[in-house]
Each structure stands twice: as structure tokens, then as C-alpha cells.
Amino acid sequence: MKIAISAESSDSQSRVDPRFGRAPWFVVYDTEEGLVESIDNVKSTAAMQGAGVQTASRLSSLGIGAVIAGHYGPKAHSALAAAGIEAYSGEGLSVSEAFEAFKKGSLPEMSGADRSGHWR
């Protein structure tokens, strides 16, 4: 499974970015291949609107099965759910801490949006 974690920088020691759609980076862990890569999300950070939907679409095209971020807006959460991507909260953690918590099953799964739209 591929897990994408919103990140403040490309480093796995950075903090989980509180924003899903406007996070500048995603660190992707591929648990089957044992690979870790960083994905630039600058295009979505500059979007006037629809950043969460754009980001969800891009992550879906990369075969992501779960995402971890601080918060999710309603359109982003709906787009993730429609793509079959599980959403978890990793607020206050580093990227590597969030990944370890995910592996242990201790991250809260988001059953819906926890922010209104257009949250920056």
C-alpha cells in the first residue's frame, strides 16, 4: 500500500502539514516496495479554489491507498472517499511519527471533513 503524508518540507522528519490540499509536499511510503519518495504539491498550493480536489485526484492517479494530514475540507474528503482513499489525522506529529502510528493502527480515521472549505 502507498501512504501519502502531507508535509511542510520534503524531509520525512518535517512536521505533518495541517492542510491536505495546500500542503507543499507529500512524503509517500510504499509499504510493499519499501520505498520512500517526496512529491511536490506546489501546483495545488497556488490554486484559487479546488486545491483539495486536485490533490486527491493526483494522489489517486499515483495509486495512493491512504493519506495522513492535519485536516480535511468537505470537497477534499469527498474526493478522497470517491477514490477509495482512506483519510487519517496526523496533526502535531512528524511525518515519520505519523507513518509509525499508521502502521500501529493508532491514528484516528477521518469519517468526514473537519474544516470548512477554502481553509488556508
PDB file of N, CA and C in Angstrom:
ATOM      1  N   MET A   1       0.839  -1.181   0.000  1.00  0.00           N
ATOM      2  CA  MET A   1       0.000   0.000   0.000  1.00  0.00           C
ATOM      3  C   MET A   1       0.881   1.240   0.000  1.00  0.00           C
ATOM      4  N   LYS A   2       0.424   2.256  -0.693  1.00  0.00           N
ATOM      5  CA  LYS A   2       1.126   3.539  -0.688  1.00  0.00           C
ATOM      6  C   LYS A   2       0.375   4.494   0.238  1.00  0.00           C
ATOM      7  N   ILE A   3       1.132   5.123   1.156  1.00  0.00           N
ATOM      8  CA  ILE A   3       0.573   6.074   2.103  1.00  0.00           C
ATOM      9  C   ILE A   3       1.214   7.426   1.849  1.00  0.00           C
ATOM     10  N   ALA A   4       0.393   8.450   1.591  1.00  0.00           N
ATOM     11  CA  ALA A   4       0.892   9.799   1.355  1.00  0.00           C
ATOM     12  C   ALA A   4       0.637  10.641   2.606  1.00  0.00           C
ATOM     13  N   ILE A   5       1.672  11.326   3.070  1.00  0.00           N
ATOM     14  CA  ILE A   5       1.574  12.144   4.275  1.00  0.00           C
ATOM     15  C   ILE A   5       1.879  13.591   3.912  1.00  0.00           C
ATOM     16  N   SER A   6       0.923  14.506   4.226  1.00  0.00           N
ATOM     17  CA  SER A   6       1.148  15.925   3.949  1.00  0.00           C
ATOM     18  C   SER A   6       2.338  16.389   4.784  1.00  0.00           C
ATOM     19  N   ALA A   7       3.216  17.174   4.175  1.00  0.00           N
ATOM     20  CA  ALA A   7       4.451  17.560   4.857  1.00  0.00           C
ATOM     21  C   ALA A   7       4.789  19.020   4.602  1.00  0.00           C
ATOM     22  N   GLU A   8       5.397  19.630   5.612  1.00  0.00           N
ATOM     23  CA  GLU A   8       5.826  21.024   5.483  1.00  0.00           C
ATOM     24  C   GLU A   8       7.064  21.155   4.609  1.00  0.00           C
ATOM     25  N   SER A   9       7.842  20.068   4.474  1.00  0.00           N
ATOM     26  CA  SER A   9       9.008  20.046   3.586  1.00  0.00           C
ATOM     27  C   SER A   9       9.144  18.632   3.029  1.00  0.00           C
ATOM     28  N   SER A  10      10.139  18.425   2.207  1.00  0.00           N
ATOM     29  CA  SER A  10      10.313  17.122   1.558  1.00  0.00           C
ATOM     30  C   SER A  10      10.937  16.070   2.463  1.00  0.00           C
ATOM     31  N   ASP A  11      11.327  16.439   3.647  1.00  0.00           N
ATOM     32  CA  ASP A  11      12.031  15.572   4.590  1.00  0.00           C
ATOM     33  C   ASP A  11      11.049  14.783   5.457  1.00  0.00           C
ATOM     34  N   SER A  12      11.311  13.511   5.674  1.00  0.00           N
ATOM     35  CA  SER A  12      10.414  12.695   6.497  1.00  0.00           C
ATOM     36  C   SER A  12      10.463  13.084   7.975  1.00  0.00           C
ATOM     37  N   GLN A  13      11.401  13.929   8.354  1.00  0.00           N
ATOM     38  CA  GLN A  13      11.449  14.426   9.734  1.00  0.00           C
ATOM     39  C   GLN A  13      10.681  15.736   9.907  1.00  0.00           C
ATOM     40  N   SER A  14      10.142  16.277   8.808  1.00  0.00           N
ATOM     41  CA  SER A  14       9.362  17.510   8.905  1.00  0.00           C
ATOM     42  C   SER A  14       8.031  17.235   9.597  1.00  0.00           C
ATOM     43  N   ARG A  15       7.314  18.281   9.903  1.00  0.00           N
ATOM     44  CA  ARG A  15       6.010  18.159  10.547  1.00  0.00           C
ATOM     45  C   ARG A  15       4.956  17.805   9.501  1.00  0.00           C
ATOM     46  N   VAL A  16       3.927  17.089   9.951  1.00  0.00           N
ATOM     47  CA  VAL A  16       2.759  16.858   9.097  1.00  0.00           C
ATOM     48  C   VAL A  16       2.121  18.219   8.875  1.00  0.00           C
ATOM     49  N   ASP A  17       1.893  18.566   7.612  1.00  0.00           N
ATOM     50  CA  ASP A  17       1.245  19.846   7.322  1.00  0.00           C
ATOM     51  C   ASP A  17      -0.215  19.756   7.738  1.00  0.00           C
ATOM     52  N   PRO A  18      -0.740  20.783   8.409  1.00  0.00           N
ATOM     53  CA  PRO A  18      -2.134  20.721   8.841  1.00  0.00           C
ATOM     54  C   PRO A  18      -3.138  20.731   7.684  1.00  0.00           C
ATOM     55  N   ARG A  19      -2.696  21.208   6.523  1.00  0.00           N
ATOM     56  CA  ARG A  19      -3.585  21.294   5.360  1.00  0.00           C
ATOM     57  C   ARG A  19      -3.388  20.075   4.470  1.00  0.00           C
ATOM     58  N   PHE A  20      -4.479  19.552   3.952  1.00  0.00           N
ATOM     59  CA  PHE A  20      -4.362  18.465   2.981  1.00  0.00           C
ATOM     60  C   PHE A  20      -4.087  19.033   1.599  1.00  0.00           C
ATOM     61  N   GLY A  21      -5.035  19.753   1.036  1.00  0.00           N
ATOM     62  CA  GLY A  21      -4.939  20.208  -0.347  1.00  0.00           C
ATOM     63  C   GLY A  21      -3.839  21.204  -0.619  1.00  0.00           C
ATOM     64  N   ARG A  22      -3.509  22.014   0.352  1.00  0.00           N
ATOM     65  CA  ARG A  22      -2.498  23.050   0.164  1.00  0.00           C
ATOM     66  C   ARG A  22      -1.158  22.721   0.810  1.00  0.00           C
ATOM     67  N   ALA A  23      -0.971  21.495   1.202  1.00  0.00           N
ATOM     68  CA  ALA A  23       0.339  21.077   1.729  1.00  0.00           C
ATOM     69  C   ALA A  23       1.375  21.204   0.618  1.00  0.00           C
ATOM     70  N   PRO A  24       2.542  21.778   0.900  1.00  0.00           N
ATOM     71  CA  PRO A  24       3.535  21.948  -0.166  1.00  0.00           C
ATOM     72  C   PRO A  24       4.192  20.640  -0.611  1.00  0.00           C
ATOM     73  N   TRP A  25       4.175  19.628   0.245  1.00  0.00           N
ATOM     74  CA  TRP A  25       4.817  18.348  -0.065  1.00  0.00           C
ATOM     75  C   TRP A  25       3.971  17.186   0.442  1.00  0.00           C
ATOM     76  N   PHE A  26       4.171  16.034  -0.156  1.00  0.00           N
ATOM     77  CA  PHE A  26       3.684  14.766   0.366  1.00  0.00           C
ATOM     78  C   PHE A  26       4.856  13.816   0.384  1.00  0.00           C
ATOM     79  N   VAL A  27       5.042  13.149   1.505  1.00  0.00           N
ATOM     80  CA  VAL A  27       6.029  12.088   1.594  1.00  0.00           C
ATOM     81  C   VAL A  27       5.249  10.789   1.429  1.00  0.00           C
ATOM     82  N   VAL A  28       5.647   9.990   0.461  1.00  0.00           N
ATOM     83  CA  VAL A  28       4.924   8.759   0.130  1.00  0.00           C
ATOM     84  C   VAL A  28       5.745   7.544   0.541  1.00  0.00           C
ATOM     85  N   TYR A  29       5.125   6.720   1.362  1.00  0.00           N
ATOM     86  CA  TYR A  29       5.723   5.446   1.778  1.00  0.00           C
ATOM     87  C   TYR A  29       5.042   4.337   0.999  1.00  0.00           C
ATOM     88  N   ASP A  30       5.833   3.519   0.327  1.00  0.00           N
ATOM     89  CA  ASP A  30       5.324   2.344  -0.377  1.00  0.00           C
ATOM     90  C   ASP A  30       5.689   1.143   0.482  1.00  0.00           C
ATOM     91  N   THR A  31       4.700   0.611   1.207  1.00  0.00           N
ATOM     92  CA  THR A  31       4.977  -0.469   2.152  1.00  0.00           C
ATOM     93  C   THR A  31       5.320  -1.786   1.460  1.00  0.00           C
ATOM     94  N   GLU A  32       4.882  -1.970   0.237  1.00  0.00           N
ATOM     95  CA  GLU A  32       5.182  -3.211  -0.489  1.00  0.00           C
ATOM     96  C   GLU A  32       6.595  -3.208  -1.053  1.00  0.00           C
ATOM     97  N   GLU A  33       7.018  -2.069  -1.575  1.00  0.00           N
ATOM     98  CA  GLU A  33       8.347  -1.952  -2.184  1.00  0.00           C
ATOM     99  C   GLU A  33       9.412  -1.471  -1.201  1.00  0.00           C
ATOM    100  N   GLY A  34       8.978  -0.936  -0.055  1.00  0.00           N
ATOM    101  CA  GLY A  34       9.927  -0.404   0.917  1.00  0.00           C
ATOM    102  C   GLY A  34      10.565   0.901   0.491  1.00  0.00           C
ATOM    103  N   LEU A  35       9.873   1.655  -0.347  1.00  0.00           N
ATOM    104  CA  LEU A  35      10.412   2.915  -0.875  1.00  0.00           C
ATOM    105  C   LEU A  35       9.766   4.120  -0.206  1.00  0.00           C
ATOM    106  N   VAL A  36      10.518   5.212  -0.171  1.00  0.00           N
ATOM    107  CA  VAL A  36      10.013   6.489   0.328  1.00  0.00           C
ATOM    108  C   VAL A  36      10.393   7.547  -0.700  1.00  0.00           C
ATOM    109  N   GLU A  37       9.421   8.371  -1.094  1.00  0.00           N
ATOM    110  CA  GLU A  37       9.711   9.465  -2.023  1.00  0.00           C
ATOM    111  C   GLU A  37       8.928  10.695  -1.623  1.00  0.00           C
ATOM    112  N   SER A  38       9.408  11.855  -2.030  1.00  0.00           N
ATOM    113  CA  SER A  38       8.730  13.116  -1.771  1.00  0.00           C
ATOM    114  C   SER A  38       8.121  13.638  -3.054  1.00  0.00           C
ATOM    115  N   ILE A  39       6.890  14.134  -2.950  1.00  0.00           N
ATOM    116  CA  ILE A  39       6.167  14.651  -4.113  1.00  0.00           C
ATOM    117  C   ILE A  39       5.826  16.111  -3.874  1.00  0.00           C
ATOM    118  N   ASP A  40       6.238  16.954  -4.788  1.00  0.00           N
ATOM    119  CA  ASP A  40       5.969  18.387  -4.750  1.00  0.00           C
ATOM    120  C   ASP A  40       4.491  18.637  -5.049  1.00  0.00           C
ATOM    121  N   ASN A  41       3.824  19.438  -4.235  1.00  0.00           N
ATOM    122  CA  ASN A  41       2.403  19.747  -4.420  1.00  0.00           C
ATOM    123  C   ASN A  41       2.185  21.238  -4.689  1.00  0.00           C
ATOM    124  N   VAL A  42       3.198  21.920  -5.211  1.00  0.00           N
ATOM    125  CA  VAL A  42       3.146  23.368  -5.406  1.00  0.00           C
ATOM    126  C   VAL A  42       1.993  23.791  -6.315  1.00  0.00           C
ATOM    127  N   LYS A  43       1.690  23.000  -7.330  1.00  0.00           N
ATOM    128  CA  LYS A  43       0.608  23.373  -8.240  1.00  0.00           C
ATOM    129  C   LYS A  43      -0.708  23.565  -7.484  1.00  0.00           C
ATOM    130  N   SER A  44      -0.996  22.690  -6.546  1.00  0.00           N
ATOM    131  CA  SER A  44      -2.238  22.805  -5.787  1.00  0.00           C
ATOM    132  C   SER A  44      -2.186  23.918  -4.749  1.00  0.00           C
ATOM    133  N   THR A  45      -0.999  24.216  -4.225  1.00  0.00           N
ATOM    134  CA  THR A  45      -0.909  25.275  -3.216  1.00  0.00           C
ATOM    135  C   THR A  45      -1.260  26.631  -3.805  1.00  0.00           C
ATOM    136  N   ALA A  46      -1.065  26.803  -5.103  1.00  0.00           N
ATOM    137  CA  ALA A  46      -1.339  28.066  -5.764  1.00  0.00           C
ATOM    138  C   ALA A  46      -2.764  28.169  -6.328  1.00  0.00           C
ATOM    139  N   ALA A  47      -3.529  27.112  -6.253  1.00  0.00           N
ATOM    140  CA  ALA A  47      -4.886  27.108  -6.824  1.00  0.00           C
ATOM    141  C   ALA A  47      -5.788  28.079  -6.075  1.00  0.00           C
ATOM    142  N   MET A  48      -6.594  28.826  -6.818  1.00  0.00           N
ATOM    143  CA  MET A  48      -7.540  29.754  -6.194  1.00  0.00           C
ATOM    144  C   MET A  48      -8.619  28.983  -5.441  1.00  0.00           C
ATOM    145  N   GLN A  49      -9.041  27.877  -5.995  1.00  0.00           N
ATOM    146  CA  GLN A  49     -10.009  27.006  -5.335  1.00  0.00           C
ATOM    147  C   GLN A  49      -9.832  25.593  -5.872  1.00  0.00           C
ATOM    148  N   GLY A  50     -10.374  24.628  -5.161  1.00  0.00           N
ATOM    149  CA  GLY A  50     -10.288  23.241  -5.612  1.00  0.00           C
ATOM    150  C   GLY A  50      -8.971  22.557  -5.325  1.00  0.00           C
ATOM    151  N   ALA A  51      -8.153  23.123  -4.429  1.00  0.00           N
ATOM    152  CA  ALA A  51      -6.849  22.527  -4.145  1.00  0.00           C
ATOM    153  C   ALA A  51      -6.987  21.105  -3.597  1.00  0.00           C
ATOM    154  N   GLY A  52      -7.955  20.883  -2.723  1.00  0.00           N
ATOM    155  CA  GLY A  52      -8.143  19.560  -2.139  1.00  0.00           C
ATOM    156  C   GLY A  52      -8.564  18.526  -3.157  1.00  0.00           C
ATOM    157  N   VAL A  53      -9.451  18.918  -4.048  1.00  0.00           N
ATOM    158  CA  VAL A  53      -9.916  18.001  -5.094  1.00  0.00           C
ATOM    159  C   VAL A  53      -8.774  17.686  -6.062  1.00  0.00           C
ATOM    160  N   GLN A  54      -8.008  18.708  -6.451  1.00  0.00           N
ATOM    161  CA  GLN A  54      -6.859  18.492  -7.344  1.00  0.00           C
ATOM    162  C   GLN A  54      -5.842  17.547  -6.708  1.00  0.00           C
ATOM    163  N   THR A  55      -5.564  17.782  -5.433  1.00  0.00           N
ATOM    164  CA  THR A  55      -4.588  16.950  -4.731  1.00  0.00           C
ATOM    165  C   THR A  55      -5.094  15.518  -4.619  1.00  0.00           C
ATOM    166  N   ALA A  56      -6.359  15.342  -4.275  1.00  0.00           N
ATOM    167  CA  ALA A  56      -6.938  13.996  -4.171  1.00  0.00           C
ATOM    168  C   ALA A  56      -6.845  13.273  -5.509  1.00  0.00           C
ATOM    169  N   SER A  57      -7.133  13.961  -6.592  1.00  0.00           N
ATOM    170  CA  SER A  57      -7.074  13.370  -7.925  1.00  0.00           C
ATOM    171  C   SER A  57      -5.647  12.941  -8.261  1.00  0.00           C
ATOM    172  N   ARG A  58      -4.698  13.798  -7.965  1.00  0.00           N
ATOM    173  CA  ARG A  58      -3.299  13.476  -8.260  1.00  0.00           C
ATOM    174  C   ARG A  58      -2.838  12.268  -7.449  1.00  0.00           C
ATOM    175  N   LEU A  59      -3.173  12.241  -6.162  1.00  0.00           N
ATOM    176  CA  LEU A  59      -2.761  11.123  -5.320  1.00  0.00           C
ATOM    177  C   LEU A  59      -3.433   9.823  -5.769  1.00  0.00           C
ATOM    178  N   SER A  60      -4.674   9.918  -6.202  1.00  0.00           N
ATOM    179  CA  SER A  60      -5.375   8.739  -6.718  1.00  0.00           C
ATOM    180  C   SER A  60      -4.648   8.190  -7.946  1.00  0.00           C
ATOM    181  N   SER A  61      -4.215   9.079  -8.832  1.00  0.00           N
ATOM    182  CA  SER A  61      -3.523   8.638 -10.056  1.00  0.00           C
ATOM    183  C   SER A  61      -2.177   7.977  -9.744  1.00  0.00           C
ATOM    184  N   LEU A  62      -1.641   8.246  -8.551  1.00  0.00           N
ATOM    185  CA  LEU A  62      -0.367   7.644  -8.136  1.00  0.00           C
ATOM    186  C   LEU A  62      -0.571   6.324  -7.386  1.00  0.00           C
ATOM    187  N   GLY A  63      -1.829   5.916  -7.232  1.00  0.00           N
ATOM    188  CA  GLY A  63      -2.116   4.653  -6.572  1.00  0.00           C
ATOM    189  C   GLY A  63      -2.064   4.707  -5.056  1.00  0.00           C
ATOM    190  N   ILE A  64      -2.283   5.880  -4.493  1.00  0.00           N
ATOM    191  CA  ILE A  64      -2.257   6.050  -3.040  1.00  0.00           C
ATOM    192  C   ILE A  64      -3.491   5.368  -2.431  1.00  0.00           C
ATOM    193  N   GLY A  65      -3.294   4.636  -1.343  1.00  0.00           N
ATOM    194  CA  GLY A  65      -4.398   3.948  -0.676  1.00  0.00           C
ATOM    195  C   GLY A  65      -4.852   4.620   0.594  1.00  0.00           C
ATOM    196  N   ALA A  66      -3.970   5.455   1.191  1.00  0.00           N
ATOM    197  CA  ALA A  66      -4.311   6.172   2.424  1.00  0.00           C
ATOM    198  C   ALA A  66      -3.525   7.477   2.465  1.00  0.00           C
ATOM    199  N   VAL A  67      -4.137   8.488   3.072  1.00  0.00           N
ATOM    200  CA  VAL A  67      -3.451   9.764   3.277  1.00  0.00           C
ATOM    201  C   VAL A  67      -3.509  10.134   4.752  1.00  0.00           C
ATOM    202  N   ILE A  68      -2.489  10.867   5.166  1.00  0.00           N
ATOM    203  CA  ILE A  68      -2.421  11.393   6.517  1.00  0.00           C
ATOM    204  C   ILE A  68      -2.147  12.880   6.396  1.00  0.00           C
ATOM    205  N   ALA A  69      -2.987  13.687   7.023  1.00  0.00           N
ATOM    206  CA  ALA A  69      -2.814  15.138   7.048  1.00  0.00           C
ATOM    207  C   ALA A  69      -3.370  15.643   8.372  1.00  0.00           C
ATOM    208  N   GLY A  70      -3.249  16.936   8.592  1.00  0.00           N
ATOM    209  CA  GLY A  70      -3.810  17.500   9.813  1.00  0.00           C
ATOM    210  C   GLY A  70      -5.320  17.618   9.740  1.00  0.00           C
ATOM    211  N   HIS A  71      -5.806  18.197   8.637  1.00  0.00           N
ATOM    212  CA  HIS A  71      -7.236  18.475   8.491  1.00  0.00           C
ATOM    213  C   HIS A  71      -7.668  18.318   7.037  1.00  0.00           C
ATOM    214  N   TYR A  72      -8.987  18.158   6.857  1.00  0.00           N
ATOM    215  CA  TYR A  72      -9.566  17.960   5.525  1.00  0.00           C
ATOM    216  C   TYR A  72     -10.817  18.812   5.379  1.00  0.00           C
ATOM    217  N   GLY A  73     -10.951  19.453   4.215  1.00  0.00           N
ATOM    218  CA  GLY A  73     -12.174  20.170   3.888  1.00  0.00           C
ATOM    219  C   GLY A  73     -13.204  19.217   3.299  1.00  0.00           C
ATOM    220  N   PRO A  74     -14.448  19.687   3.145  1.00  0.00           N
ATOM    221  CA  PRO A  74     -15.512  18.795   2.677  1.00  0.00           C
ATOM    222  C   PRO A  74     -15.314  18.259   1.260  1.00  0.00           C
ATOM    223  N   LYS A  75     -14.875  19.089   0.337  1.00  0.00           N
ATOM    224  CA  LYS A  75     -14.681  18.627  -1.039  1.00  0.00           C
ATOM    225  C   LYS A  75     -13.497  17.666  -1.133  1.00  0.00           C
ATOM    226  N   ALA A  76     -12.449  17.965  -0.399  1.00  0.00           N
ATOM    227  CA  ALA A  76     -11.279  17.078  -0.399  1.00  0.00           C
ATOM    228  C   ALA A  76     -11.651  15.718   0.183  1.00  0.00           C
ATOM    229  N   HIS A  77     -12.350  15.716   1.308  1.00  0.00           N
ATOM    230  CA  HIS A  77     -12.718  14.441   1.922  1.00  0.00           C
ATOM    231  C   HIS A  77     -13.635  13.648   1.006  1.00  0.00           C
ATOM    232  N   SER A  78     -14.580  14.308   0.361  1.00  0.00           N
ATOM    233  CA  SER A  78     -15.476  13.624  -0.584  1.00  0.00           C
ATOM    234  C   SER A  78     -14.707  13.045  -1.760  1.00  0.00           C
ATOM    235  N   ALA A  79     -13.737  13.804  -2.288  1.00  0.00           N
ATOM    236  CA  ALA A  79     -12.936  13.327  -3.421  1.00  0.00           C
ATOM    237  C   ALA A  79     -12.097  12.118  -3.013  1.00  0.00           C
ATOM    238  N   LEU A  80     -11.535  12.153  -1.814  1.00  0.00           N
ATOM    239  CA  LEU A  80     -10.755  11.012  -1.329  1.00  0.00           C
ATOM    240  C   LEU A  80     -11.644   9.781  -1.167  1.00  0.00           C
ATOM    241  N   ALA A  81     -12.816   9.975  -0.568  1.00  0.00           N
ATOM    242  CA  ALA A  81     -13.738   8.856  -0.366  1.00  0.00           C
ATOM    243  C   ALA A  81     -14.176   8.267  -1.702  1.00  0.00           C
ATOM    244  N   ALA A  82     -14.462   9.126  -2.679  1.00  0.00           N
ATOM    245  CA  ALA A  82     -14.885   8.659  -4.003  1.00  0.00           C
ATOM    246  C   ALA A  82     -13.786   7.853  -4.687  1.00  0.00           C
ATOM    247  N   ALA A  83     -12.526   8.203  -4.396  1.00  0.00           N
ATOM    248  CA  ALA A  83     -11.385   7.489  -4.992  1.00  0.00           C
ATOM    249  C   ALA A  83     -11.002   6.244  -4.184  1.00  0.00           C
ATOM    250  N   GLY A  84     -11.686   6.021  -3.062  1.00  0.00           N
ATOM    251  CA  GLY A  84     -11.377   4.865  -2.234  1.00  0.00           C
ATOM    252  C   GLY A  84     -10.111   5.026  -1.403  1.00  0.00           C
ATOM    253  N   ILE A  85      -9.734   6.271  -1.135  1.00  0.00           N
ATOM    254  CA  ILE A  85      -8.535   6.564  -0.351  1.00  0.00           C
ATOM    255  C   ILE A  85      -8.950   6.863   1.088  1.00  0.00           C
ATOM    256  N   GLU A  86      -8.375   6.130   2.032  1.00  0.00           N
ATOM    257  CA  GLU A  86      -8.660   6.342   3.446  1.00  0.00           C
ATOM    258  C   GLU A  86      -7.953   7.609   3.916  1.00  0.00           C
ATOM    259  N   ALA A  87      -8.591   8.371   4.817  1.00  0.00           N
ATOM    260  CA  ALA A  87      -8.019   9.610   5.337  1.00  0.00           C
ATOM    261  C   ALA A  87      -7.835   9.505   6.849  1.00  0.00           C
ATOM    262  N   TYR A  88      -6.651   9.899   7.311  1.00  0.00           N
ATOM    263  CA  TYR A  88      -6.317   9.844   8.730  1.00  0.00           C
ATOM    264  C   TYR A  88      -5.772  11.199   9.182  1.00  0.00           C
ATOM    265  N   SER A  89      -5.871  11.462  10.482  1.00  0.00           N
ATOM    266  CA  SER A  89      -5.314  12.682  11.053  1.00  0.00           C
ATOM    267  C   SER A  89      -3.976  12.388  11.702  1.00  0.00           C
ATOM    268  N   GLY A  90      -2.993  13.191  11.355  1.00  0.00           N
ATOM    269  CA  GLY A  90      -1.661  13.074  11.951  1.00  0.00           C
ATOM    270  C   GLY A  90      -1.225  14.398  12.535  1.00  0.00           C
ATOM    271  N   GLU A  91      -2.191  15.191  12.947  1.00  0.00           N
ATOM    272  CA  GLU A  91      -1.915  16.531  13.460  1.00  0.00           C
ATOM    273  C   GLU A  91      -0.930  16.495  14.628  1.00  0.00           C
ATOM    274  N   GLY A  92       0.073  17.391  14.559  1.00  0.00           N
ATOM    275  CA  GLY A  92       1.043  17.529  15.627  1.00  0.00           C
ATOM    276  C   GLY A  92       2.200  16.553  15.594  1.00  0.00           C
ATOM    277  N   LEU A  93       2.239  15.679  14.610  1.00  0.00           N
ATOM    278  CA  LEU A  93       3.296  14.674  14.515  1.00  0.00           C
ATOM    279  C   LEU A  93       4.291  15.024  13.420  1.00  0.00           C
ATOM    280  N   SER A  94       5.456  14.406  13.474  1.00  0.00           N
ATOM    281  CA  SER A  94       6.358  14.482  12.333  1.00  0.00           C
ATOM    282  C   SER A  94       5.865  13.466  11.311  1.00  0.00           C
ATOM    283  N   VAL A  95       6.344  13.569  10.093  1.00  0.00           N
ATOM    284  CA  VAL A  95       5.952  12.633   9.042  1.00  0.00           C
ATOM    285  C   VAL A  95       6.308  11.203   9.448  1.00  0.00           C
ATOM    286  N   SER A  96       7.516  11.006   9.942  1.00  0.00           N
ATOM    287  CA  SER A  96       7.933   9.647  10.325  1.00  0.00           C
ATOM    288  C   SER A  96       7.126   9.123  11.514  1.00  0.00           C
ATOM    289  N   GLU A  97       6.796   9.982  12.476  1.00  0.00           N
ATOM    290  CA  GLU A  97       5.953   9.567  13.606  1.00  0.00           C
ATOM    291  C   GLU A  97       4.559   9.172  13.121  1.00  0.00           C
ATOM    292  N   ALA A  98       4.020   9.944  12.178  1.00  0.00           N
ATOM    293  CA  ALA A  98       2.691   9.640  11.631  1.00  0.00           C
ATOM    294  C   ALA A  98       2.700   8.290  10.919  1.00  0.00           C
ATOM    295  N   PHE A  99       3.756   8.009  10.166  1.00  0.00           N
ATOM    296  CA  PHE A  99       3.845   6.723   9.476  1.00  0.00           C
ATOM    297  C   PHE A  99       3.907   5.574  10.477  1.00  0.00           C
ATOM    298  N   GLU A 100       4.710   5.720  11.521  1.00  0.00           N
ATOM    299  CA  GLU A 100       4.811   4.667  12.540  1.00  0.00           C
ATOM    300  C   GLU A 100       3.471   4.468  13.248  1.00  0.00           C
ATOM    301  N   ALA A 101       2.762   5.556  13.558  1.00  0.00           N
ATOM    302  CA  ALA A 101       1.444   5.458  14.205  1.00  0.00           C
ATOM    303  C   ALA A 101       0.439   4.782  13.273  1.00  0.00           C
ATOM    304  N   PHE A 102       0.536   5.072  11.967  1.00  0.00           N
ATOM    305  CA  PHE A 102      -0.345   4.425  10.991  1.00  0.00           C
ATOM    306  C   PHE A 102      -0.110   2.916  10.990  1.00  0.00           C
ATOM    307  N   LYS A 103       1.157   2.509  10.976  1.00  0.00           N
ATOM    308  CA  LYS A 103       1.483   1.082  10.961  1.00  0.00           C
ATOM    309  C   LYS A 103       0.951   0.368  12.207  1.00  0.00           C
ATOM    310  N   LYS A 104       0.936   1.076  13.345  1.00  0.00           N
ATOM    311  CA  LYS A 104       0.438   0.502  14.597  1.00  0.00           C
ATOM    312  C   LYS A 104      -1.091   0.544  14.690  1.00  0.00           C
ATOM    313  N   GLY A 105      -1.730   1.261  13.758  1.00  0.00           N
ATOM    314  CA  GLY A 105      -3.185   1.393  13.797  1.00  0.00           C
ATOM    315  C   GLY A 105      -3.684   2.375  14.836  1.00  0.00           C
ATOM    316  N   SER A 106      -2.838   3.330  15.232  1.00  0.00           N
ATOM    317  CA  SER A 106      -3.224   4.251  16.297  1.00  0.00           C
ATOM    318  C   SER A 106      -3.617   5.653  15.822  1.00  0.00           C
ATOM    319  N   LEU A 107      -3.673   5.888  14.518  1.00  0.00           N
ATOM    320  CA  LEU A 107      -4.128   7.187  14.020  1.00  0.00           C
ATOM    321  C   LEU A 107      -5.644   7.195  13.873  1.00  0.00           C
ATOM    322  N   PRO A 108      -6.290   8.315  14.207  1.00  0.00           N
ATOM    323  CA  PRO A 108      -7.739   8.379  14.015  1.00  0.00           C
ATOM    324  C   PRO A 108      -8.107   8.500  12.532  1.00  0.00           C
ATOM    325  N   GLU A 109      -9.022   7.648  12.085  1.00  0.00           N
ATOM    326  CA  GLU A 109      -9.515   7.745  10.715  1.00  0.00           C
ATOM    327  C   GLU A 109     -10.565   8.841  10.668  1.00  0.00           C
ATOM    328  N   MET A 110     -10.524   9.636   9.609  1.00  0.00           N
ATOM    329  CA  MET A 110     -11.458  10.750   9.446  1.00  0.00           C
ATOM    330  C   MET A 110     -12.720  10.250   8.741  1.00  0.00           C
ATOM    331  N   SER A 111     -13.835  10.350   9.412  1.00  0.00           N
ATOM    332  CA  SER A 111     -15.096   9.896   8.815  1.00  0.00           C
ATOM    333  C   SER A 111     -15.758  10.996   7.994  1.00  0.00           C
ATOM    334  N   GLY A 112     -15.214  12.193   8.064  1.00  0.00           N
ATOM    335  CA  GLY A 112     -15.746  13.327   7.312  1.00  0.00           C
ATOM    336  C   GLY A 112     -14.807  14.507   7.425  1.00  0.00           C
ATOM    337  N   ALA A 113     -15.190  15.612   6.807  1.00  0.00           N
ATOM    338  CA  ALA A 113     -14.373  16.827   6.860  1.00  0.00           C
ATOM    339  C   ALA A 113     -14.365  17.386   8.272  1.00  0.00           C
ATOM    340  N   ASP A 114     -13.261  18.020   8.646  1.00  0.00           N
ATOM    341  CA  ASP A 114     -13.199  18.683   9.948  1.00  0.00           C
ATOM    342  C   ASP A 114     -12.885  20.175   9.814  1.00  0.00           C
ATOM    343  N   ARG A 115     -12.925  20.670   8.592  1.00  0.00           N
ATOM    344  CA  ARG A 115     -12.730  22.103   8.313  1.00  0.00           C
ATOM    345  C   ARG A 115     -13.720  22.508   7.230  1.00  0.00           C
ATOM    346  N   SER A 116     -14.078  23.787   7.230  1.00  0.00           N
ATOM    347  CA  SER A 116     -14.915  24.289   6.158  1.00  0.00           C
ATOM    348  C   SER A 116     -14.069  24.450   4.898  1.00  0.00           C
ATOM    349  N   GLY A 117     -14.701  24.645   3.761  1.00  0.00           N
ATOM    350  CA  GLY A 117     -13.966  24.815   2.514  1.00  0.00           C
ATOM    351  C   GLY A 117     -13.142  26.084   2.521  1.00  0.00           C
ATOM    352  N   HIS A 118     -12.131  26.145   1.665  1.00  0.00           N
ATOM    353  CA  HIS A 118     -11.264  27.309   1.448  1.00  0.00           C
ATOM    354  C   HIS A 118     -10.456  27.656   2.679  1.00  0.00           C
ATOM    355  N   TRP A 119     -10.084  26.665   3.473  1.00  0.00           N
ATOM    356  CA  TRP A 119      -9.259  26.900   4.652  1.00  0.00           C
ATOM    357  C   TRP A 119      -7.806  26.984   4.215  1.00  0.00           C
ATOM    358  N   ARG A 120      -7.127  28.006   4.563  1.00  0.00           N
ATOM    359  CA  ARG A 120      -5.715  28.191   4.198  1.00  0.00           C
ATOM    360  C   ARG A 120      -4.882  28.090   5.424  1.00  0.00           C
TER     361      ARG A 120
END
